[in-house]
Amino acid sequence: LFRSGTHISNVDGGYFSWVTLPDYYDNKKIAEECSNRGVILATGDNFEVTGNPLGWGKHGIRVSISYLDAEKIKEGVKIWGEVCSLYKNNSL
């Protein structure tokens, strides 16, 4: 499902996980297109301390599964994957 180089943190009793995509993806562009398709992604820059950028925004996404049923989660991940494929193929 995910490309080589993608890292997904363990979810251990919480509602959030971090997904880090390989360097050639730009999550800000991907998140913008996902938003156009009804999927909101929280890019990592939203979780950095102001004035101390760590670069989380370009490759990291904080994924929340709270308040969503399994079908909505599957639908969102499918759309996200489609957008990532478009980005990878320079179609965005």
N, C-alpha and C. Protein backbone atom coordinates (compact mmCIF):
# COMPACT_ATOMS: atom_id res chain seq x y z
N LEU A 1 0.82 -1.20 0.00
CA LEU A 1 0.00 0.00 0.00
C LEU A 1 0.86 1.26 0.00
N PHE A 2 1.92 1.31 0.84
CA PHE A 2 2.77 2.49 0.90
C PHE A 2 4.09 2.20 0.20
N ARG A 3 4.65 3.22 -0.38
CA ARG A 3 5.93 3.10 -1.08
C ARG A 3 7.08 2.86 -0.10
N SER A 4 8.13 2.26 -0.63
CA SER A 4 9.34 2.08 0.16
C SER A 4 9.84 3.44 0.62
N GLY A 5 10.30 3.51 1.85
CA GLY A 5 10.77 4.77 2.41
C GLY A 5 9.72 5.48 3.23
N THR A 6 8.49 4.97 3.23
CA THR A 6 7.42 5.55 4.04
C THR A 6 7.53 4.97 5.44
N HIS A 7 7.41 5.83 6.45
CA HIS A 7 7.47 5.38 7.83
C HIS A 7 6.15 5.72 8.52
N ILE A 8 5.58 4.73 9.20
CA ILE A 8 4.33 4.92 9.94
C ILE A 8 4.62 4.60 11.41
N SER A 9 4.36 5.58 12.28
CA SER A 9 4.60 5.33 13.71
C SER A 9 3.51 4.43 14.27
N ASN A 10 3.84 3.73 15.32
CA ASN A 10 2.87 2.86 15.99
C ASN A 10 1.80 3.69 16.68
N VAL A 11 0.59 3.18 16.66
CA VAL A 11 -0.51 3.78 17.42
C VAL A 11 -0.71 2.88 18.63
N ASP A 12 -0.40 3.39 19.79
CA ASP A 12 -0.46 2.58 21.01
C ASP A 12 -1.49 3.17 21.97
N GLY A 13 -2.75 2.95 21.65
CA GLY A 13 -3.82 3.40 22.53
C GLY A 13 -4.28 4.82 22.28
N GLY A 14 -3.75 5.49 21.27
CA GLY A 14 -4.15 6.86 21.00
C GLY A 14 -4.93 6.98 19.70
N TYR A 15 -5.16 8.20 19.32
CA TYR A 15 -5.91 8.48 18.10
C TYR A 15 -5.03 9.02 16.98
N PHE A 16 -3.75 9.17 17.23
CA PHE A 16 -2.88 9.81 16.26
C PHE A 16 -1.69 8.92 15.89
N SER A 17 -1.25 9.10 14.67
CA SER A 17 -0.05 8.44 14.19
C SER A 17 0.66 9.42 13.26
N TRP A 18 1.97 9.29 13.16
CA TRP A 18 2.74 10.09 12.20
C TRP A 18 3.06 9.22 11.00
N VAL A 19 2.88 9.78 9.82
CA VAL A 19 3.29 9.13 8.59
C VAL A 19 4.30 10.06 7.93
N THR A 20 5.46 9.53 7.64
CA THR A 20 6.50 10.30 6.97
C THR A 20 6.74 9.67 5.61
N LEU A 21 6.56 10.46 4.58
CA LEU A 21 6.76 9.99 3.21
C LEU A 21 8.19 10.23 2.77
N PRO A 22 8.63 9.52 1.73
CA PRO A 22 9.98 9.74 1.21
C PRO A 22 10.20 11.20 0.80
N ASP A 23 11.45 11.59 0.71
CA ASP A 23 11.84 12.99 0.47
C ASP A 23 11.28 13.58 -0.81
N TYR A 24 11.01 12.77 -1.82
CA TYR A 24 10.58 13.33 -3.10
C TYR A 24 9.12 13.79 -3.09
N TYR A 25 8.38 13.55 -2.00
CA TYR A 25 7.01 14.04 -1.87
C TYR A 25 7.01 15.40 -1.16
N ASP A 26 6.06 16.25 -1.53
CA ASP A 26 5.86 17.52 -0.85
C ASP A 26 4.45 17.49 -0.26
N ASN A 27 4.38 17.23 1.06
CA ASN A 27 3.09 17.06 1.71
C ASN A 27 2.21 18.30 1.65
N LYS A 28 2.80 19.47 1.58
CA LYS A 28 1.97 20.67 1.50
C LYS A 28 1.16 20.68 0.21
N LYS A 29 1.79 20.34 -0.89
CA LYS A 29 1.08 20.26 -2.17
C LYS A 29 0.07 19.11 -2.15
N ILE A 30 0.47 17.99 -1.60
CA ILE A 30 -0.42 16.84 -1.52
C ILE A 30 -1.61 17.14 -0.62
N ALA A 31 -1.37 17.78 0.52
CA ALA A 31 -2.46 18.13 1.45
C ALA A 31 -3.44 19.10 0.80
N GLU A 32 -2.92 20.04 0.02
CA GLU A 32 -3.79 21.00 -0.66
C GLU A 32 -4.73 20.28 -1.64
N GLU A 33 -4.18 19.36 -2.42
CA GLU A 33 -5.01 18.62 -3.37
C GLU A 33 -5.99 17.69 -2.66
N CYS A 34 -5.54 17.06 -1.59
CA CYS A 34 -6.45 16.19 -0.81
C CYS A 34 -7.61 17.01 -0.26
N SER A 35 -7.32 18.21 0.21
CA SER A 35 -8.37 19.09 0.73
C SER A 35 -9.41 19.40 -0.36
N ASN A 36 -8.95 19.61 -1.59
CA ASN A 36 -9.86 19.84 -2.71
C ASN A 36 -10.78 18.64 -2.94
N ARG A 37 -10.34 17.46 -2.47
CA ARG A 37 -11.12 16.23 -2.65
C ARG A 37 -11.84 15.81 -1.37
N GLY A 38 -11.83 16.68 -0.35
CA GLY A 38 -12.58 16.42 0.87
C GLY A 38 -11.83 15.70 1.98
N VAL A 39 -10.51 15.55 1.83
CA VAL A 39 -9.69 14.88 2.85
C VAL A 39 -8.73 15.91 3.45
N ILE A 40 -8.83 16.13 4.74
CA ILE A 40 -7.98 17.11 5.42
C ILE A 40 -6.79 16.38 6.04
N LEU A 41 -5.58 16.80 5.65
CA LEU A 41 -4.35 16.25 6.21
C LEU A 41 -3.66 17.32 7.04
N ALA A 42 -3.23 16.96 8.22
CA ALA A 42 -2.51 17.89 9.10
C ALA A 42 -1.01 17.72 8.84
N THR A 43 -0.45 18.65 8.06
CA THR A 43 0.98 18.56 7.77
C THR A 43 1.78 18.87 9.03
N GLY A 44 2.95 18.30 9.10
CA GLY A 44 3.77 18.39 10.30
C GLY A 44 4.15 19.77 10.75
N ASP A 45 4.17 20.74 9.82
CA ASP A 45 4.54 22.10 10.22
C ASP A 45 3.54 22.70 11.20
N ASN A 46 2.33 22.17 11.24
CA ASN A 46 1.34 22.63 12.21
C ASN A 46 1.70 22.23 13.65
N PHE A 47 2.69 21.39 13.81
CA PHE A 47 3.07 20.88 15.13
C PHE A 47 4.49 21.28 15.53
N GLU A 48 5.09 22.18 14.74
CA GLU A 48 6.40 22.71 15.07
C GLU A 48 6.26 23.96 15.93
N VAL A 49 7.26 24.23 16.71
CA VAL A 49 7.28 25.45 17.51
C VAL A 49 7.61 26.62 16.59
N THR A 50 6.83 27.71 16.68
CA THR A 50 7.07 28.88 15.86
C THR A 50 8.51 29.37 16.05
N GLY A 51 9.18 29.59 14.94
CA GLY A 51 10.56 30.05 14.99
C GLY A 51 11.58 28.94 15.07
N ASN A 52 11.13 27.70 15.19
CA ASN A 52 12.04 26.57 15.27
C ASN A 52 11.59 25.47 14.30
N PRO A 53 11.60 25.77 13.00
CA PRO A 53 11.12 24.78 12.05
C PRO A 53 12.03 23.54 12.02
N LEU A 54 11.41 22.40 12.08
CA LEU A 54 12.15 21.14 12.07
C LEU A 54 12.03 20.41 10.73
N GLY A 55 11.26 20.99 9.82
CA GLY A 55 11.10 20.37 8.51
C GLY A 55 10.01 19.31 8.47
N TRP A 56 9.20 19.22 9.52
CA TRP A 56 8.15 18.19 9.56
C TRP A 56 7.08 18.42 8.50
N GLY A 57 6.88 19.68 8.12
CA GLY A 57 5.81 20.01 7.18
C GLY A 57 5.99 19.43 5.80
N LYS A 58 7.20 19.34 5.35
CA LYS A 58 7.42 18.87 3.98
C LYS A 58 7.12 17.39 3.81
N HIS A 59 7.41 16.57 4.82
CA HIS A 59 7.28 15.12 4.63
C HIS A 59 6.39 14.43 5.66
N GLY A 60 6.05 15.10 6.77
CA GLY A 60 5.28 14.45 7.83
C GLY A 60 3.81 14.83 7.83
N ILE A 61 2.98 13.86 8.13
CA ILE A 61 1.53 14.06 8.27
C ILE A 61 1.12 13.44 9.61
N ARG A 62 0.34 14.17 10.37
CA ARG A 62 -0.22 13.62 11.61
C ARG A 62 -1.61 13.10 11.27
N VAL A 63 -1.79 11.81 11.39
CA VAL A 63 -3.04 11.16 11.01
C VAL A 63 -3.89 10.94 12.25
N SER A 64 -5.13 11.37 12.16
CA SER A 64 -6.10 11.18 13.25
C SER A 64 -7.20 10.25 12.76
N ILE A 65 -7.54 9.28 13.59
CA ILE A 65 -8.63 8.38 13.24
C ILE A 65 -9.81 8.53 14.19
N SER A 66 -9.79 9.58 15.00
CA SER A 66 -10.89 9.80 15.95
C SER A 66 -12.13 10.25 15.20
N TYR A 67 -13.26 9.81 15.67
CA TYR A 67 -14.57 10.19 15.14
C TYR A 67 -14.84 9.74 13.71
N LEU A 68 -14.08 8.82 13.20
CA LEU A 68 -14.32 8.31 11.85
C LEU A 68 -14.59 6.82 11.90
N ASP A 69 -15.51 6.36 11.05
CA ASP A 69 -15.73 4.92 10.96
C ASP A 69 -14.74 4.33 9.96
N ALA A 70 -14.66 3.02 9.93
CA ALA A 70 -13.67 2.33 9.10
C ALA A 70 -13.80 2.68 7.62
N GLU A 71 -15.03 2.82 7.13
CA GLU A 71 -15.22 3.14 5.72
C GLU A 71 -14.69 4.53 5.36
N LYS A 72 -14.90 5.50 6.24
CA LYS A 72 -14.39 6.85 6.00
C LYS A 72 -12.86 6.87 6.01
N ILE A 73 -12.27 6.10 6.93
CA ILE A 73 -10.81 6.02 7.00
C ILE A 73 -10.27 5.41 5.71
N LYS A 74 -10.86 4.31 5.25
CA LYS A 74 -10.43 3.67 4.00
C LYS A 74 -10.56 4.64 2.82
N GLU A 75 -11.68 5.35 2.76
CA GLU A 75 -11.91 6.30 1.67
C GLU A 75 -10.85 7.40 1.68
N GLY A 76 -10.55 7.94 2.86
CA GLY A 76 -9.55 9.00 2.97
C GLY A 76 -8.16 8.53 2.58
N VAL A 77 -7.78 7.34 3.02
CA VAL A 77 -6.46 6.79 2.68
C VAL A 77 -6.37 6.52 1.18
N LYS A 78 -7.48 6.05 0.59
CA LYS A 78 -7.50 5.79 -0.85
C LYS A 78 -7.28 7.09 -1.62
N ILE A 79 -7.99 8.14 -1.25
CA ILE A 79 -7.83 9.44 -1.92
C ILE A 79 -6.41 9.95 -1.73
N TRP A 80 -5.89 9.85 -0.51
CA TRP A 80 -4.52 10.29 -0.23
C TRP A 80 -3.54 9.55 -1.14
N GLY A 81 -3.70 8.23 -1.25
CA GLY A 81 -2.83 7.43 -2.11
C GLY A 81 -2.91 7.83 -3.57
N GLU A 82 -4.14 8.11 -4.04
CA GLU A 82 -4.31 8.55 -5.42
C GLU A 82 -3.60 9.87 -5.67
N VAL A 83 -3.72 10.79 -4.73
CA VAL A 83 -3.07 12.09 -4.87
C VAL A 83 -1.54 11.92 -4.84
N CYS A 84 -1.04 11.06 -3.97
CA CYS A 84 0.41 10.79 -3.92
C CYS A 84 0.89 10.23 -5.26
N SER A 85 0.10 9.34 -5.87
CA SER A 85 0.47 8.78 -7.17
C SER A 85 0.50 9.86 -8.24
N LEU A 86 -0.49 10.76 -8.22
CA LEU A 86 -0.50 11.86 -9.18
C LEU A 86 0.74 12.74 -8.99
N TYR A 87 1.08 13.03 -7.73
CA TYR A 87 2.25 13.85 -7.43
C TYR A 87 3.51 13.16 -7.95
N LYS A 88 3.65 11.89 -7.64
CA LYS A 88 4.84 11.13 -8.04
C LYS A 88 5.00 11.12 -9.55
N ASN A 89 3.87 11.09 -10.27
CA ASN A 89 3.92 11.06 -11.73
C ASN A 89 3.89 12.45 -12.35
N ASN A 90 4.15 13.48 -11.52
CA ASN A 90 4.17 14.88 -11.99
C ASN A 90 2.86 15.30 -12.65
N SER A 91 1.74 14.77 -12.15
CA SER A 91 0.43 15.12 -12.71
C SER A 91 -0.30 16.16 -11.88
N LEU A 92 0.30 16.64 -10.79
CA LEU A 92 -0.33 17.68 -9.98
C LEU A 92 0.22 19.04 -10.35
